[in-house]
Amino acid sequence: MIKKEMICKTGAVLFAAAFMMMIFTGCSPHNTTDHSADNVANSAVSNDPGAQNNVDGPNDDATISTETGCPFSDLTWASTTEDMIAAEGNDHESYDSIYKGMTYTYPKTYLENEGIIKYMFDGDGKLCNISWSYAGETADDVLKVYRAVCDDTEKLHGEGRDDNGVGNYCRMWKREEGTIMVNAVITNDSTVMQIAYMSAEVSHQ
């Protein structure tokens, strides 16, 4: 069992180190100078020329479902921080979001694994990213969870696209409702993985 305290206090450091390596060797298909852990998934999508080609022409926001398709949260893209607190409680940590709003984190079990869920809001208070992260003790542990998460996502959303690098693993799903990205980093220093559900607005901007 991974301790809540360890994940909460060291998770941000682990992801910062791990995803900096991912930028240069793995999932992100283009170079970027932004080394923020939370920014990697969004940067990879916005820099990927295939991300906007996934849908046929522009879509009016009103025609896109507010459902996230996320199996580890009941919130929708229309949910507010009040909705989040009603669903998850007041026992959260928070920090500035890469979307110029706030990020809120809670302990969350997904597929029988203890991790952390992150709700990211933009400067207008719109929910735009729901992520779940897991910090394992061994490479085998993280790979097992990564593959289980990919399998679960594939059952829900069909086949994804792999974009792996040395020591890194990445699978993406391009959807009209928003992009899904599963990342894992296996190095001597870091064994971490994350799945991120991004809204259509931040996926295709």
Protein backbone atom coordinates (compact mmCIF):
# COMPACT_ATOMS: atom_id res chain seq x y z
CA MET A 1 0.00 0.00 0.00
CA ILE A 2 1.38 3.37 -0.99
CA LYS A 3 1.04 5.92 1.79
CA LYS A 4 -1.15 8.96 1.12
CA GLU A 5 1.45 11.19 2.76
CA MET A 6 4.23 9.97 0.46
CA ILE A 7 2.20 10.53 -2.69
CA CYS A 8 0.95 13.97 -1.66
CA LYS A 9 4.33 15.35 -0.59
CA THR A 10 6.64 13.76 -3.15
CA GLY A 11 4.35 13.32 -6.13
CA ALA A 12 4.93 16.80 -7.52
CA VAL A 13 8.72 16.41 -7.25
CA LEU A 14 8.66 12.99 -8.90
CA PHE A 15 6.52 14.18 -11.77
CA ALA A 16 8.62 17.28 -12.33
CA ALA A 17 11.78 15.20 -12.70
CA ALA A 18 10.16 12.40 -14.65
CA PHE A 19 8.25 14.48 -17.14
CA MET A 20 11.24 16.71 -17.86
CA MET A 21 12.88 13.55 -19.21
CA MET A 22 9.71 12.66 -21.09
CA ILE A 23 9.84 15.96 -22.96
CA PHE A 24 13.16 15.00 -24.52
CA THR A 25 12.87 11.24 -24.89
CA GLY A 26 9.30 10.16 -24.95
CA CYS A 27 5.70 11.12 -25.19
CA SER A 28 5.81 14.77 -26.16
CA PRO A 29 6.26 14.77 -29.96
CA HIS A 30 7.90 18.19 -30.13
CA ASN A 31 10.49 20.05 -28.08
CA THR A 32 9.26 22.46 -25.42
CA THR A 33 10.92 24.69 -22.90
CA ASP A 34 8.08 24.36 -20.35
CA HIS A 35 9.19 21.87 -17.72
CA SER A 36 6.08 22.10 -15.51
CA ALA A 37 4.83 18.64 -14.58
CA ASP A 38 1.18 19.46 -15.08
CA ASN A 39 1.90 21.21 -18.36
CA VAL A 40 3.36 18.20 -20.17
CA ALA A 41 0.12 16.53 -21.16
CA ASN A 42 -1.45 19.74 -22.41
CA SER A 43 1.72 20.77 -24.28
CA ALA A 44 1.96 17.38 -25.99
CA VAL A 45 -1.60 17.69 -27.23
CA SER A 46 -1.45 21.29 -28.36
CA ASN A 47 1.88 20.70 -30.14
CA ASP A 48 0.70 17.52 -31.86
CA PRO A 49 -0.42 18.31 -35.42
CA GLY A 50 -2.75 15.31 -35.28
CA ALA A 51 -4.69 16.64 -32.32
CA GLN A 52 -6.72 19.14 -34.30
CA ASN A 53 -7.02 16.85 -37.30
CA ASN A 54 -8.91 14.34 -35.21
CA VAL A 55 -12.22 16.16 -35.68
CA ASP A 56 -13.91 17.20 -38.89
CA GLY A 57 -13.88 20.98 -38.78
CA PRO A 58 -14.55 23.34 -35.89
CA ASN A 59 -17.20 22.51 -33.35
CA ASP A 60 -19.43 24.88 -31.45
CA ASP A 61 -19.01 24.37 -27.70
CA ALA A 62 -22.75 23.81 -27.40
CA THR A 63 -22.55 20.71 -29.61
CA ILE A 64 -19.85 19.01 -27.52
CA SER A 65 -20.96 16.91 -24.57
CA THR A 66 -19.95 18.08 -21.12
CA GLU A 67 -19.42 14.45 -20.10
CA THR A 68 -15.75 13.71 -19.52
CA GLY A 69 -15.86 9.94 -20.05
CA CYS A 70 -13.58 9.69 -17.01
CA PRO A 71 -14.12 6.49 -14.96
CA PHE A 72 -12.58 7.81 -11.73
CA SER A 73 -14.69 10.97 -11.38
CA ASP A 74 -18.39 11.77 -11.72
CA LEU A 75 -17.76 15.45 -12.46
CA THR A 76 -18.49 16.91 -15.90
CA TRP A 77 -16.77 19.76 -17.74
CA ALA A 78 -19.62 21.94 -16.51
CA SER A 79 -18.86 21.16 -12.86
CA THR A 80 -17.77 23.89 -10.48
CA THR A 81 -15.47 23.85 -7.46
CA GLU A 82 -18.62 23.62 -5.35
CA ASP A 83 -19.61 20.46 -7.25
CA MET A 84 -16.10 19.09 -6.70
CA ILE A 85 -16.25 19.71 -2.95
CA ALA A 86 -19.71 18.14 -2.78
CA ALA A 87 -18.38 15.03 -4.52
CA GLU A 88 -14.90 14.75 -2.99
CA GLY A 89 -15.06 16.71 0.29
CA ASN A 90 -13.11 19.58 1.82
CA ASP A 91 -9.95 17.60 2.57
CA HIS A 92 -7.91 18.72 -0.44
CA GLU A 93 -4.60 20.36 -1.27
CA SER A 94 -4.37 23.10 -3.87
CA TYR A 95 -1.87 25.03 -5.98
CA ASP A 96 -1.86 27.24 -9.08
CA SER A 97 -3.09 25.57 -12.26
CA ILE A 98 -1.23 25.78 -15.58
CA TYR A 99 -4.55 27.05 -16.95
CA LYS A 100 -4.32 30.23 -14.81
CA GLY A 101 -6.78 28.91 -12.26
CA MET A 102 -6.40 26.43 -9.40
CA THR A 103 -5.58 22.73 -9.11
CA TYR A 104 -7.13 20.67 -6.32
CA THR A 105 -5.85 17.24 -5.30
CA TYR A 106 -7.43 14.39 -3.35
CA PRO A 107 -6.42 10.82 -2.53
CA LYS A 108 -8.23 8.54 -4.98
CA THR A 109 -8.32 4.78 -5.56
CA TYR A 110 -8.61 3.71 -9.20
CA LEU A 111 -8.53 0.08 -10.33
CA GLU A 112 -7.72 -0.88 -6.73
CA ASN A 113 -4.58 1.31 -6.74
CA GLU A 114 -4.11 4.24 -4.36
CA GLY A 115 -3.14 7.45 -6.11
CA ILE A 116 -4.00 11.13 -6.37
CA ILE A 117 -6.73 12.79 -8.42
CA LYS A 118 -6.19 16.34 -9.69
CA TYR A 119 -8.92 18.73 -10.78
CA MET A 120 -7.56 21.65 -12.82
CA PHE A 121 -9.60 24.80 -13.40
CA ASP A 122 -8.87 27.72 -15.71
CA GLY A 123 -8.91 31.41 -14.85
CA ASP A 124 -12.66 31.57 -15.50
CA GLY A 125 -13.35 28.73 -13.08
CA LYS A 126 -13.98 26.14 -15.80
CA LEU A 127 -12.89 22.57 -15.16
CA CYS A 128 -10.55 21.59 -18.01
CA ASN A 129 -8.35 18.71 -16.82
CA ILE A 130 -8.99 15.69 -14.58
CA SER A 131 -5.90 13.57 -13.89
CA TRP A 132 -5.01 10.58 -11.75
CA SER A 133 -1.41 9.86 -10.81
CA TYR A 134 0.33 6.90 -9.24
CA ALA A 135 3.83 6.71 -7.77
CA GLY A 136 5.11 3.16 -7.50
CA GLU A 137 8.03 1.66 -5.65
CA THR A 138 9.30 -0.42 -8.58
CA ALA A 139 9.28 -0.29 -12.37
CA ASP A 140 7.24 -3.49 -12.54
CA ASP A 141 4.68 -1.98 -10.18
CA VAL A 142 4.23 1.15 -12.31
CA LEU A 143 4.16 -0.78 -15.59
CA LYS A 144 1.48 -3.07 -14.21
CA VAL A 145 -0.69 -0.09 -13.27
CA TYR A 146 0.08 1.70 -16.56
CA ARG A 147 -1.05 -1.32 -18.59
CA ALA A 148 -4.15 -1.80 -16.46
CA VAL A 149 -5.09 1.87 -16.95
CA CYS A 150 -4.49 1.61 -20.70
CA ASP A 151 -6.61 -1.54 -20.91
CA ASP A 152 -9.43 0.10 -18.95
CA THR A 153 -9.28 3.20 -21.14
CA GLU A 154 -9.30 1.06 -24.28
CA LYS A 155 -12.43 -0.75 -23.09
CA LEU A 156 -14.15 2.61 -22.61
CA HIS A 157 -12.84 4.57 -25.59
CA GLY A 158 -11.38 2.17 -28.14
CA GLU A 159 -7.81 1.78 -29.32
CA GLY A 160 -5.30 4.51 -28.54
CA ARG A 161 -2.06 5.52 -30.21
CA ASP A 162 1.31 4.63 -28.68
CA ASP A 163 4.15 7.15 -28.68
CA ASN A 164 6.85 5.60 -26.51
CA GLY A 165 10.42 6.63 -25.79
CA VAL A 166 13.40 5.20 -23.93
CA GLY A 167 12.26 4.50 -20.39
CA ASN A 168 8.94 6.21 -21.11
CA TYR A 169 5.51 5.07 -22.16
CA CYS A 170 2.66 7.09 -23.65
CA ARG A 171 -0.72 6.30 -25.17
CA MET A 172 -3.19 8.89 -26.44
CA TRP A 173 -6.84 8.92 -27.41
CA LYS A 174 -8.00 11.82 -29.61
CA ARG A 175 -11.72 12.43 -29.11
CA GLU A 176 -14.12 15.21 -30.00
CA GLU A 177 -14.92 15.50 -26.28
CA GLY A 178 -11.23 15.97 -25.44
CA THR A 179 -7.91 14.15 -25.47
CA ILE A 180 -6.93 11.39 -23.05
CA MET A 181 -3.24 10.76 -22.34
CA VAL A 182 -1.66 8.00 -20.26
CA ASN A 183 2.02 8.49 -19.39
CA ALA A 184 4.55 6.42 -17.47
CA VAL A 185 8.20 7.15 -16.73
CA ILE A 186 10.59 4.41 -15.63
CA THR A 187 14.07 5.65 -14.64
CA ASN A 188 16.58 4.98 -11.89
CA ASP A 189 15.15 7.93 -9.98
CA SER A 190 11.46 7.91 -10.85
CA THR A 191 8.73 5.32 -11.28
CA VAL A 192 5.51 7.22 -11.91
CA MET A 193 2.47 7.23 -14.19
CA GLN A 194 -0.49 9.49 -14.87
CA ILE A 195 -3.70 9.51 -16.88
CA ALA A 196 -5.15 12.87 -17.90
CA TYR A 197 -8.58 13.66 -19.32
CA MET A 198 -8.52 17.08 -21.02
CA SER A 199 -11.52 19.08 -22.15
CA ALA A 200 -12.06 19.79 -25.84
CA GLU A 201 -11.25 23.44 -25.25
CA VAL A 202 -7.70 22.79 -24.02
CA SER A 203 -7.17 19.76 -26.29
CA HIS A 204 -7.84 21.56 -29.55
CA GLN A 205 -6.93 25.16 -28.76
